Amino acid sequence: MVTLYGVSAGLGVPFIVAWTRRVNRRVLLSALLVILTLGNCVTALAPTFPLVLTTRLVMGFASGVFWAIGVSMAMRLVPERQASRAAAVVMSGISIAAVVGIPLGTVLESLTDWRATFLIWSGLSALVLLAVATVVPSLPSANAVPVREVFVLPLRNVPLRLVLCTVVLFVLGHFGAYAFVRPFLEAHTSAAPAFITMVLMIYGVGGAIGNFVAGHTVNRSLRGSFVAGGAGLVLSLLALLAVGHTQAGSIAALVLWGVSFGVVQLCQVNMTQAAAPDTFEAAMSLNTMAYNTSIAIGALIGGLFADHLGVTSVVWFGVALTVASLLLTLGTGRRAATPRVPGGELVSR
């Protein structure tokens, strides 16, 4: 269920964003929320597993499209000088929900059952749908392009190609290691499930803080913010290796990891926008495809390392790939386009 959701979220999004390039973005977001609402409802009531899998496949497509259009919609809703902060708000919501959602769903399931939990999510999705339809203004599609032009963008746009390579490297490293945080803590600190849940929630809060920090710094130095966040990721992984055998050390490492990832997460969105300001949605659809497929590949490679070399090797894998993304940015950053937010406002590198 999880794998199929992730694959469809990554591979389908460039096509769907291009095929809906003439659709008003408020209408498209509302349609995505309808799919989410109905998908959770069908999942709750489905009598067979194949129906659940099919539903998750469709929901994955919707999730990927939101990644591609959600940030750009937020950036268009505010004055140009606040675009980066608007993107930070969206990314912070994703960071918090990704961490809080799982334990909250577990609590609801323990109080009711798994089907009731999905029905509750369906109801919440319906409320958000009503809010979007009521509050979000009309947003005609601004810069989407046909499918045939989406996949040639990295060939013609060198800065975008470099950003996508950077995204692939840091996502492979980050999620390759993050997927094995729990077994690492269990092996090195004998951590109980409650402690691990607490640490991961602290990590999620750190990610939200990192998003907001980057929202203030990317306008001053986008490349510098990414380098600082990437360096923080490397240091946090090294700290986990050095002092992660204690609970205090693991908490400190995960806090730094969360904040640093939040910074890098927002920076890579702004780097994508800076590299392709006139085709941002198309570029973000490629970003989403690279991001989600790299999550799956990173977890797969991390699993191979864990099986054959032990769980500690997965953290070293994360260090190596994150360092590679940093070196790529440092070595090619000057070739990147000058960052600017929608509407043409220039911001310093």
Protein backbone atom coordinates (compact mmCIF):
# COMPACT_ATOMS: atom_id res chain seq x y z
CA MET A 1 0.00 0.00 0.00
CA VAL A 2 2.76 2.44 0.92
CA THR A 3 5.11 1.55 -1.95
CA LEU A 4 2.46 1.78 -4.65
CA TYR A 5 1.31 5.12 -3.25
CA GLY A 6 4.86 6.49 -3.40
CA VAL A 7 5.59 5.18 -6.90
CA SER A 8 2.43 6.72 -8.37
CA ALA A 9 3.10 10.00 -6.54
CA GLY A 10 6.48 10.20 -8.23
CA LEU A 11 6.08 8.79 -11.72
CA GLY A 12 2.65 10.12 -12.62
CA VAL A 13 2.93 13.75 -11.57
CA PRO A 14 4.74 15.26 -14.61
CA PHE A 15 2.08 13.90 -16.92
CA ILE A 16 -0.90 14.97 -14.81
CA VAL A 17 0.44 18.48 -14.19
CA ALA A 18 1.02 18.90 -17.93
CA TRP A 19 -2.35 17.44 -18.91
CA THR A 20 -4.13 19.84 -16.52
CA ARG A 21 -2.11 22.89 -17.56
CA ARG A 22 -5.24 24.82 -18.57
CA VAL A 23 -7.16 24.02 -15.36
CA ASN A 24 -7.58 26.72 -12.73
CA ARG A 25 -5.33 25.75 -9.81
CA ARG A 26 -8.05 26.27 -7.19
CA VAL A 27 -10.28 23.90 -9.16
CA LEU A 28 -7.44 21.40 -9.49
CA LEU A 29 -6.63 21.54 -5.77
CA SER A 30 -10.32 21.04 -4.98
CA ALA A 31 -10.38 18.01 -7.29
CA LEU A 32 -7.33 16.57 -5.50
CA LEU A 33 -9.11 16.98 -2.16
CA VAL A 34 -12.20 15.25 -3.57
CA ILE A 35 -9.96 12.31 -4.53
CA LEU A 36 -8.42 12.32 -1.05
CA THR A 37 -11.84 12.42 0.62
CA LEU A 38 -13.34 9.66 -1.51
CA GLY A 39 -10.12 7.61 -1.42
CA ASN A 40 -10.03 7.48 2.37
CA CYS A 41 -13.73 6.64 2.44
CA VAL A 42 -13.34 3.82 -0.09
CA THR A 43 -10.30 2.50 1.80
CA ALA A 44 -12.36 2.38 4.99
CA LEU A 45 -15.23 0.50 3.35
CA ALA A 46 -13.32 -1.65 0.82
CA PRO A 47 -14.21 -5.36 1.04
CA THR A 48 -11.12 -6.56 -0.87
CA PHE A 49 -7.39 -5.80 -0.85
CA PRO A 50 -7.14 -5.21 -4.65
CA LEU A 51 -9.69 -2.39 -4.30
CA VAL A 52 -7.60 -0.84 -1.54
CA LEU A 53 -4.47 -1.04 -3.72
CA THR A 54 -6.26 0.56 -6.68
CA THR A 55 -7.56 3.33 -4.46
CA ARG A 56 -4.10 4.00 -3.03
CA LEU A 57 -2.69 4.17 -6.55
CA VAL A 58 -5.15 6.92 -7.50
CA MET A 59 -4.54 8.75 -4.22
CA GLY A 60 -0.79 8.63 -4.89
CA PHE A 61 -1.28 10.45 -8.18
CA ALA A 62 -3.25 13.14 -6.35
CA SER A 63 -0.59 13.48 -3.66
CA GLY A 64 2.16 13.96 -6.24
CA VAL A 65 0.22 16.67 -8.04
CA PHE A 66 -0.27 18.54 -4.76
CA TRP A 67 3.51 18.55 -4.23
CA ALA A 68 3.93 20.07 -7.68
CA ILE A 69 1.28 22.82 -7.43
CA GLY A 70 0.82 23.43 -3.68
CA VAL A 71 3.99 25.44 -3.04
CA SER A 72 3.60 27.57 -6.16
CA MET A 73 -0.02 28.32 -5.23
CA ALA A 74 1.04 29.51 -1.79
CA MET A 75 3.78 31.70 -3.28
CA ARG A 76 1.24 33.32 -5.63
CA LEU A 77 -1.22 34.12 -2.84
CA VAL A 78 1.07 36.55 -1.01
CA PRO A 79 3.09 39.66 -1.91
CA GLU A 80 6.30 38.84 -3.78
CA ARG A 81 8.55 39.68 -0.83
CA GLN A 82 6.78 37.05 1.29
CA ALA A 83 6.84 34.22 -1.27
CA SER A 84 9.63 32.27 0.44
CA ARG A 85 7.87 32.48 3.80
CA ALA A 86 4.64 31.24 2.20
CA ALA A 87 6.53 28.25 0.83
CA ALA A 88 7.94 27.71 4.34
CA VAL A 89 4.42 27.55 5.79
CA VAL A 90 3.40 24.85 3.32
CA MET A 91 6.56 22.83 3.86
CA SER A 92 6.18 23.15 7.65
CA GLY A 93 2.66 21.77 7.41
CA ILE A 94 3.99 18.79 5.49
CA SER A 95 6.83 18.27 7.99
CA ILE A 96 4.55 18.35 11.03
CA ALA A 97 1.84 16.20 9.44
CA ALA A 98 4.35 13.57 8.30
CA VAL A 99 5.52 13.02 11.87
CA VAL A 100 2.36 13.69 13.90
CA GLY A 101 0.04 11.86 11.51
CA ILE A 102 1.36 8.35 12.18
CA PRO A 103 1.15 8.41 16.00
CA LEU A 104 -2.19 10.23 15.83
CA GLY A 105 -3.54 7.59 13.46
CA THR A 106 -2.27 4.90 15.81
CA VAL A 107 -4.10 6.49 18.74
CA LEU A 108 -7.34 6.75 16.77
CA GLU A 109 -7.01 3.14 15.63
CA SER A 110 -6.53 1.97 19.22
CA LEU A 111 -9.67 3.85 20.29
CA THR A 112 -11.79 2.66 17.35
CA ASP A 113 -10.44 0.49 14.51
CA TRP A 114 -8.48 1.06 11.31
CA ARG A 115 -11.60 1.52 9.16
CA ALA A 116 -12.97 4.19 11.47
CA THR A 117 -9.60 5.94 11.34
CA PHE A 118 -9.80 6.24 7.56
CA LEU A 119 -13.38 7.52 7.83
CA ILE A 120 -12.17 10.24 10.22
CA TRP A 121 -9.45 11.25 7.74
CA SER A 122 -12.09 11.33 5.02
CA GLY A 123 -14.19 13.72 7.08
CA LEU A 124 -11.21 15.97 7.79
CA SER A 125 -10.37 16.01 4.08
CA ALA A 126 -13.93 17.08 3.31
CA LEU A 127 -13.59 19.99 5.76
CA VAL A 128 -10.36 21.11 4.08
CA LEU A 129 -12.08 20.84 0.69
CA LEU A 130 -14.81 23.20 1.88
CA ALA A 131 -12.20 25.61 3.24
CA VAL A 132 -10.27 25.64 -0.05
CA ALA A 133 -13.42 26.16 -2.11
CA THR A 134 -14.47 29.02 0.19
CA VAL A 135 -11.21 30.82 0.99
CA VAL A 136 -8.68 30.25 -1.81
CA PRO A 137 -9.17 32.72 -4.68
CA SER A 138 -9.20 31.81 -8.35
CA LEU A 139 -5.69 31.00 -9.60
CA PRO A 140 -5.50 30.47 -13.36
CA SER A 141 -2.68 28.18 -14.42
CA ALA A 142 0.40 30.36 -14.83
CA ASN A 143 3.33 28.40 -16.24
CA ALA A 144 2.55 24.73 -16.87
CA VAL A 145 3.78 23.29 -20.19
CA PRO A 146 2.86 20.31 -22.41
CA VAL A 147 4.20 16.86 -21.57
CA ARG A 148 6.63 16.85 -24.50
CA GLU A 149 8.28 19.98 -23.11
CA VAL A 150 8.43 18.84 -19.47
CA PHE A 151 11.04 16.15 -19.98
CA VAL A 152 13.31 18.29 -22.15
CA LEU A 153 13.53 21.02 -19.50
CA PRO A 154 16.57 19.47 -17.75
CA LEU A 155 18.28 19.00 -21.12
CA ARG A 156 17.90 22.67 -22.04
CA ASN A 157 18.16 24.16 -18.56
CA VAL A 158 21.55 23.43 -16.99
CA PRO A 159 20.76 25.00 -13.56
CA LEU A 160 17.58 22.90 -13.29
CA ARG A 161 19.50 19.76 -14.21
CA LEU A 162 22.05 20.48 -11.49
CA VAL A 163 19.31 21.13 -8.91
CA LEU A 164 17.59 17.85 -9.77
CA CYS A 165 20.90 15.97 -9.39
CA THR A 166 21.41 17.66 -6.02
CA VAL A 167 17.89 16.68 -4.93
CA VAL A 168 18.45 13.06 -5.93
CA LEU A 169 21.71 12.86 -3.96
CA PHE A 170 20.47 14.40 -0.71
CA VAL A 171 17.13 12.54 -0.79
CA LEU A 172 18.91 9.22 -1.37
CA GLY A 173 21.21 9.94 1.57
CA HIS A 174 18.63 11.42 3.90
CA PHE A 175 15.86 8.87 3.46
CA GLY A 176 18.29 5.97 3.10
CA ALA A 177 19.40 6.77 6.66
CA TYR A 178 16.09 8.04 8.06
CA ALA A 179 14.26 4.85 7.11
CA PHE A 180 16.48 3.02 9.62
CA VAL A 181 16.43 5.46 12.55
CA ARG A 182 14.25 3.14 14.62
CA PRO A 183 16.43 0.00 14.29
CA PHE A 184 19.54 2.15 14.84
CA LEU A 185 18.16 3.52 18.12
CA GLU A 186 16.91 0.09 19.19
CA ALA A 187 20.35 -1.41 18.57
CA HIS A 188 22.46 1.36 20.10
CA THR A 189 20.33 2.82 22.92
CA SER A 190 17.92 -0.05 23.62
CA ALA A 191 15.23 2.56 23.04
CA ALA A 192 11.63 1.73 23.89
CA PRO A 193 8.89 2.43 21.31
CA ALA A 194 7.61 5.39 23.37
CA PHE A 195 11.07 7.01 23.35
CA ILE A 196 11.46 6.52 19.61
CA THR A 197 8.03 8.04 18.95
CA MET A 198 8.92 11.04 21.11
CA VAL A 199 12.26 11.54 19.35
CA LEU A 200 10.67 11.35 15.90
CA MET A 201 8.02 13.87 16.89
CA ILE A 202 10.78 16.18 18.14
CA TYR A 203 12.50 15.63 14.80
CA GLY A 204 9.29 16.71 13.02
CA VAL A 205 9.02 19.88 15.09
CA GLY A 206 12.68 20.56 14.28
CA GLY A 207 11.84 20.19 10.58
CA ALA A 208 9.10 22.81 10.88
CA ILE A 209 11.51 25.16 12.69
CA GLY A 210 14.07 24.62 9.94
CA ASN A 211 11.45 25.49 7.32
CA PHE A 212 10.70 28.81 9.01
CA VAL A 213 14.40 29.60 9.53
CA ALA A 214 15.05 29.02 5.84
CA GLY A 215 12.02 31.15 5.00
CA HIS A 216 13.96 34.10 6.42
CA THR A 217 17.41 33.20 5.07
CA VAL A 218 16.84 32.07 1.47
CA ASN A 219 16.22 35.64 0.30
CA ARG A 220 19.61 36.63 1.69
CA SER A 221 21.55 33.63 0.41
CA LEU A 222 19.78 30.67 -1.16
CA ARG A 223 22.95 28.76 -1.95
CA GLY A 224 24.43 29.56 1.46
CA SER A 225 21.26 28.38 3.21
CA PHE A 226 21.36 25.07 1.36
CA VAL A 227 25.04 24.57 2.16
CA ALA A 228 24.42 25.37 5.83
CA GLY A 229 21.48 22.95 5.97
CA GLY A 230 23.42 20.22 4.16
CA ALA A 231 26.38 20.68 6.49
CA GLY A 232 23.98 20.40 9.43
CA LEU A 233 22.64 17.13 8.00
CA VAL A 234 26.15 15.71 7.75
CA LEU A 235 27.02 16.84 11.28
CA SER A 236 23.78 15.38 12.68
CA LEU A 237 24.49 11.97 11.10
CA LEU A 238 28.05 12.02 12.40
CA ALA A 239 26.74 13.02 15.83
CA LEU A 240 24.31 10.10 15.73
CA LEU A 241 27.23 7.79 15.06
CA ALA A 242 29.38 9.38 17.78
CA VAL A 243 26.91 9.95 20.65
CA GLY A 244 23.77 8.16 19.46
CA HIS A 245 24.36 5.37 21.95
CA THR A 246 22.94 7.64 24.69
CA GLN A 247 19.40 8.96 24.81
CA ALA A 248 20.55 12.56 25.27
CA GLY A 249 22.97 12.23 22.36
CA SER A 250 20.36 10.71 20.08
CA ILE A 251 17.87 13.46 20.93
CA ALA A 252 20.45 16.17 20.17
CA ALA A 253 21.40 14.51 16.89
CA LEU A 254 17.76 14.12 15.79
CA VAL A 255 16.96 17.74 16.67
CA LEU A 256 19.87 18.97 14.53
CA TRP A 257 18.87 16.51 11.81
CA GLY A 258 15.27 17.77 11.78
CA VAL A 259 16.19 21.47 11.71
CA SER A 260 18.81 20.91 9.00
CA PHE A 261 16.46 18.84 6.88
CA GLY A 262 13.80 21.54 7.18
CA VAL A 263 16.29 24.10 5.87
CA VAL A 264 17.40 21.89 2.98
CA GLN A 265 13.82 20.95 2.15
CA LEU A 266 12.72 24.55 1.65
CA CYS A 267 15.96 25.50 -0.09
CA GLN A 268 15.60 22.80 -2.73
CA VAL A 269 12.10 24.09 -3.58
CA ASN A 270 13.42 27.63 -3.94
CA MET A 271 16.40 26.37 -5.94
CA THR A 272 14.01 24.66 -8.34
CA GLN A 273 11.99 27.86 -8.68
CA ALA A 274 15.14 29.92 -9.18
CA ALA A 275 16.40 27.58 -11.90
CA ALA A 276 13.10 27.58 -13.82
CA PRO A 277 10.98 30.60 -12.77
CA ASP A 278 8.94 30.63 -15.98
CA THR A 279 8.12 26.90 -15.86
CA PHE A 280 7.98 26.39 -12.10
CA GLU A 281 5.09 23.92 -12.01
CA ALA A 282 6.68 21.73 -14.67
CA ALA A 283 10.03 21.90 -12.87
CA MET A 284 8.35 21.02 -9.57
CA SER A 285 6.66 18.04 -11.20
CA LEU A 286 10.12 16.77 -12.20
CA ASN A 287 11.35 17.59 -8.71
CA THR A 288 8.50 15.56 -7.23
CA MET A 289 9.23 12.62 -9.51
CA ALA A 290 12.95 12.69 -8.60
CA TYR A 291 12.14 13.13 -4.90
CA ASN A 292 9.65 10.30 -4.51
CA THR A 293 11.54 7.78 -6.63
CA SER A 294 14.73 8.64 -4.71
CA ILE A 295 12.91 7.95 -1.42
CA ALA A 296 12.03 4.46 -2.64
CA ILE A 297 15.52 3.78 -4.04
CA GLY A 298 17.22 5.21 -0.94
CA ALA A 299 15.22 2.96 1.36
CA LEU A 300 15.99 -0.03 -0.87
CA ILE A 301 19.74 0.66 -0.90
CA GLY A 302 19.66 1.36 2.82
CA GLY A 303 18.01 -2.02 3.36
CA LEU A 304 20.77 -3.77 1.41
CA PHE A 305 23.42 -2.01 3.50
CA ALA A 306 21.61 -2.90 6.73
CA ASP A 307 21.24 -6.55 5.73
CA HIS A 308 24.85 -7.07 4.69
CA LEU A 309 26.90 -4.53 6.68
CA GLY A 310 24.74 -3.65 9.66
CA VAL A 311 22.47 -0.71 10.42
CA THR A 312 25.39 1.62 11.22
CA SER A 313 26.53 1.39 7.59
CA VAL A 314 23.24 2.95 6.52
CA VAL A 315 24.09 6.12 8.44
CA TRP A 316 27.50 6.25 6.71
CA PHE A 317 25.66 5.84 3.41
CA GLY A 318 23.59 8.89 4.33
CA VAL A 319 26.74 10.86 5.17
CA ALA A 320 28.37 9.99 1.84
CA LEU A 321 25.38 10.95 -0.30
CA THR A 322 24.71 14.16 1.61
CA VAL A 323 28.36 15.18 1.27
CA ALA A 324 28.10 14.46 -2.47
CA SER A 325 25.09 16.80 -2.77
CA LEU A 326 27.04 19.49 -0.90
CA LEU A 327 30.08 19.12 -3.15
CA LEU A 328 27.87 19.33 -6.24
CA THR A 329 26.28 22.54 -4.95
CA LEU A 330 29.60 24.09 -4.00
CA GLY A 331 31.16 23.13 -7.30
CA THR A 332 28.35 24.28 -9.58
CA GLY A 333 26.41 26.87 -7.56
CA ARG A 334 27.67 29.79 -9.60
CA ARG A 335 26.02 28.35 -12.68
CA ALA A 336 22.60 28.48 -11.07
CA ALA A 337 20.11 31.07 -12.16
CA THR A 338 19.71 34.10 -9.95
CA PRO A 339 16.86 33.29 -7.56
CA ARG A 340 13.67 35.22 -7.99
CA VAL A 341 10.20 34.76 -6.70
CA PRO A 342 7.10 34.72 -8.93
CA GLY A 343 6.59 38.09 -10.52
CA GLY A 344 10.26 38.69 -11.17
CA GLU A 345 11.62 40.03 -7.86
CA LEU A 346 15.34 39.30 -7.70
CA VAL A 347 16.92 37.99 -4.54
CA SER A 348 20.60 37.61 -3.81
CA ARG A 349 22.46 34.34 -3.97
